[in-house]
Amino acid sequence: MAIVRYTLETVPKPTKKDWDRVKNLKDEDIDYSDIPEITDFSKFRPWEERQMFKPVKVAVTCKLDADIVAWLKQGGKGYQTRMNTILREAMLHSVS
């Protein structure tokens, strides 16, 4: 099988036959075997994908309970990002 390459300018427009094929495709018919499952969201940056502003980071020093830090670190590298995500979720769901 040959590799076919397109650019945005040369990609062909979908035909009615293409859309009908997609419309009739069932989830169980899709082969995901060559696509790894995404389990690490530590590098997930939705603002970059949506060309939004990147939040400004501020260095802070705070004291946390040792068991909380241990729990955050048990996931490995990226514990500060996990802490930021948890705090952001709390902020977004807080009642003002």
C-alpha atoms as a PDB file:
ATOM      1  CA  MET A   1       0.000   0.000   0.000  1.00  0.00           C
ATOM      2  CA  ALA A   2       1.425   3.359  -1.001  1.00  0.00           C
ATOM      3  CA  ILE A   3       1.474   6.371   1.287  1.00  0.00           C
ATOM      4  CA  VAL A   4      -0.741   9.195   0.080  1.00  0.00           C
ATOM      5  CA  ARG A   5      -0.004  12.700   1.318  1.00  0.00           C
ATOM      6  CA  TYR A   6      -2.237  15.752   1.146  1.00  0.00           C
ATOM      7  CA  THR A   7      -1.998  19.367   2.222  1.00  0.00           C
ATOM      8  CA  LEU A   8      -4.960  21.472   3.300  1.00  0.00           C
ATOM      9  CA  GLU A   9      -5.110  22.858  -0.211  1.00  0.00           C
ATOM     10  CA  THR A  10      -5.020  19.489  -2.006  1.00  0.00           C
ATOM     11  CA  VAL A  11      -7.154  17.266   0.219  1.00  0.00           C
ATOM     12  CA  PRO A  12     -10.174  16.106  -1.796  1.00  0.00           C
ATOM     13  CA  LYS A  13     -13.684  17.144  -0.732  1.00  0.00           C
ATOM     14  CA  PRO A  14     -15.735  14.311   0.810  1.00  0.00           C
ATOM     15  CA  THR A  15     -18.318  12.839  -1.540  1.00  0.00           C
ATOM     16  CA  LYS A  16     -21.877  11.763  -0.683  1.00  0.00           C
ATOM     17  CA  LYS A  17     -20.608   8.185  -0.767  1.00  0.00           C
ATOM     18  CA  ASP A  18     -17.942   9.090   1.849  1.00  0.00           C
ATOM     19  CA  TRP A  19     -20.527  10.740   4.129  1.00  0.00           C
ATOM     20  CA  ASP A  20     -22.916   7.791   3.769  1.00  0.00           C
ATOM     21  CA  ARG A  21     -20.127   5.409   4.733  1.00  0.00           C
ATOM     22  CA  VAL A  22     -19.336   7.488   7.844  1.00  0.00           C
ATOM     23  CA  LYS A  23     -23.017   7.820   8.730  1.00  0.00           C
ATOM     24  CA  ASN A  24     -23.494   4.040   8.632  1.00  0.00           C
ATOM     25  CA  LEU A  25     -20.294   3.251  10.536  1.00  0.00           C
ATOM     26  CA  LYS A  26     -20.851   1.737  13.988  1.00  0.00           C
ATOM     27  CA  ASP A  27     -18.482   2.301  16.918  1.00  0.00           C
ATOM     28  CA  GLU A  28     -17.664  -1.408  17.091  1.00  0.00           C
ATOM     29  CA  ASP A  29     -16.554  -1.346  13.420  1.00  0.00           C
ATOM     30  CA  ILE A  30     -13.735   1.130  14.146  1.00  0.00           C
ATOM     31  CA  ASP A  31     -10.285  -0.442  14.540  1.00  0.00           C
ATOM     32  CA  TYR A  32      -8.445   1.260  17.410  1.00  0.00           C
ATOM     33  CA  SER A  33      -5.635  -1.309  17.584  1.00  0.00           C
ATOM     34  CA  ASP A  34      -2.956   1.101  16.297  1.00  0.00           C
ATOM     35  CA  ILE A  35      -4.052   4.022  18.501  1.00  0.00           C
ATOM     36  CA  PRO A  36      -2.789   3.992  22.090  1.00  0.00           C
ATOM     37  CA  GLU A  37      -5.301   4.814  24.805  1.00  0.00           C
ATOM     38  CA  ILE A  38      -4.680   8.221  26.344  1.00  0.00           C
ATOM     39  CA  THR A  39      -4.156   7.778  30.062  1.00  0.00           C
ATOM     40  CA  ASP A  40      -1.680  10.541  30.860  1.00  0.00           C
ATOM     41  CA  PHE A  41      -3.404  13.904  30.850  1.00  0.00           C
ATOM     42  CA  SER A  42      -0.546  15.706  32.602  1.00  0.00           C
ATOM     43  CA  LYS A  43       0.482  17.299  29.294  1.00  0.00           C
ATOM     44  CA  PHE A  44      -3.092  18.135  28.258  1.00  0.00           C
ATOM     45  CA  ARG A  45      -3.197  21.807  27.322  1.00  0.00           C
ATOM     46  CA  PRO A  46      -6.666  22.644  25.960  1.00  0.00           C
ATOM     47  CA  TRP A  47      -5.858  26.350  25.675  1.00  0.00           C
ATOM     48  CA  GLU A  48      -3.019  25.565  23.239  1.00  0.00           C
ATOM     49  CA  GLU A  49      -5.268  23.428  21.034  1.00  0.00           C
ATOM     50  CA  ARG A  50      -7.965  26.116  21.033  1.00  0.00           C
ATOM     51  CA  GLN A  51      -5.413  28.933  20.633  1.00  0.00           C
ATOM     52  CA  MET A  52      -6.531  30.463  23.917  1.00  0.00           C
ATOM     53  CA  PHE A  53      -4.344  32.335  26.376  1.00  0.00           C
ATOM     54  CA  LYS A  54      -1.954  30.278  28.455  1.00  0.00           C
ATOM     55  CA  PRO A  55      -2.518  30.874  32.170  1.00  0.00           C
ATOM     56  CA  VAL A  56       0.316  32.748  33.852  1.00  0.00           C
ATOM     57  CA  LYS A  57       2.111  30.650  36.450  1.00  0.00           C
ATOM     58  CA  VAL A  58       3.106  32.159  39.795  1.00  0.00           C
ATOM     59  CA  ALA A  59       5.608  30.494  42.126  1.00  0.00           C
ATOM     60  CA  VAL A  60       4.218  30.121  45.640  1.00  0.00           C
ATOM     61  CA  THR A  61       5.366  28.520  48.851  1.00  0.00           C
ATOM     62  CA  CYS A  62       2.786  26.787  51.012  1.00  0.00           C
ATOM     63  CA  LYS A  63       2.664  24.135  53.706  1.00  0.00           C
ATOM     64  CA  LEU A  64       0.557  21.056  53.016  1.00  0.00           C
ATOM     65  CA  ASP A  65      -0.124  17.967  55.068  1.00  0.00           C
ATOM     66  CA  ALA A  66       2.440  15.241  54.340  1.00  0.00           C
ATOM     67  CA  ASP A  67      -0.215  12.679  53.385  1.00  0.00           C
ATOM     68  CA  ILE A  68      -1.655  15.048  50.760  1.00  0.00           C
ATOM     69  CA  VAL A  69       1.777  15.588  49.203  1.00  0.00           C
ATOM     70  CA  ALA A  70       2.435  11.826  49.252  1.00  0.00           C
ATOM     71  CA  TRP A  71      -0.916  11.203  47.545  1.00  0.00           C
ATOM     72  CA  LEU A  72      -0.143  13.794  44.840  1.00  0.00           C
ATOM     73  CA  LYS A  73       3.351  12.383  44.277  1.00  0.00           C
ATOM     74  CA  GLN A  74       2.231   8.743  44.053  1.00  0.00           C
ATOM     75  CA  GLY A  75       1.218   9.426  40.448  1.00  0.00           C
ATOM     76  CA  GLY A  76       4.848  10.213  39.612  1.00  0.00           C
ATOM     77  CA  LYS A  77       6.160  13.235  37.784  1.00  0.00           C
ATOM     78  CA  GLY A  78       3.700  16.085  37.349  1.00  0.00           C
ATOM     79  CA  TYR A  79       2.321  16.283  40.879  1.00  0.00           C
ATOM     80  CA  GLN A  80       2.301  20.090  40.806  1.00  0.00           C
ATOM     81  CA  THR A  81       0.260  20.043  37.614  1.00  0.00           C
ATOM     82  CA  ARG A  82      -2.168  17.594  39.260  1.00  0.00           C
ATOM     83  CA  MET A  83      -2.425  19.905  42.272  1.00  0.00           C
ATOM     84  CA  ASN A  84      -3.107  22.862  39.977  1.00  0.00           C
ATOM     85  CA  THR A  85      -5.815  20.875  38.144  1.00  0.00           C
ATOM     86  CA  ILE A  86      -7.501  19.916  41.426  1.00  0.00           C
ATOM     87  CA  LEU A  87      -7.439  23.517  42.656  1.00  0.00           C
ATOM     88  CA  ARG A  88      -8.756  24.810  39.301  1.00  0.00           C
ATOM     89  CA  GLU A  89     -11.659  22.336  39.431  1.00  0.00           C
ATOM     90  CA  ALA A  90     -12.453  23.459  42.982  1.00  0.00           C
ATOM     91  CA  MET A  91     -12.297  27.094  41.882  1.00  0.00           C
ATOM     92  CA  LEU A  92     -14.576  26.526  38.868  1.00  0.00           C
ATOM     93  CA  HIS A  93     -17.141  24.605  40.927  1.00  0.00           C
ATOM     94  CA  SER A  94     -17.150  26.902  43.955  1.00  0.00           C
ATOM     95  CA  VAL A  95     -20.213  28.956  44.721  1.00  0.00           C
ATOM     96  CA  SER A  96     -19.335  32.636  44.823  1.00  0.00           C
END
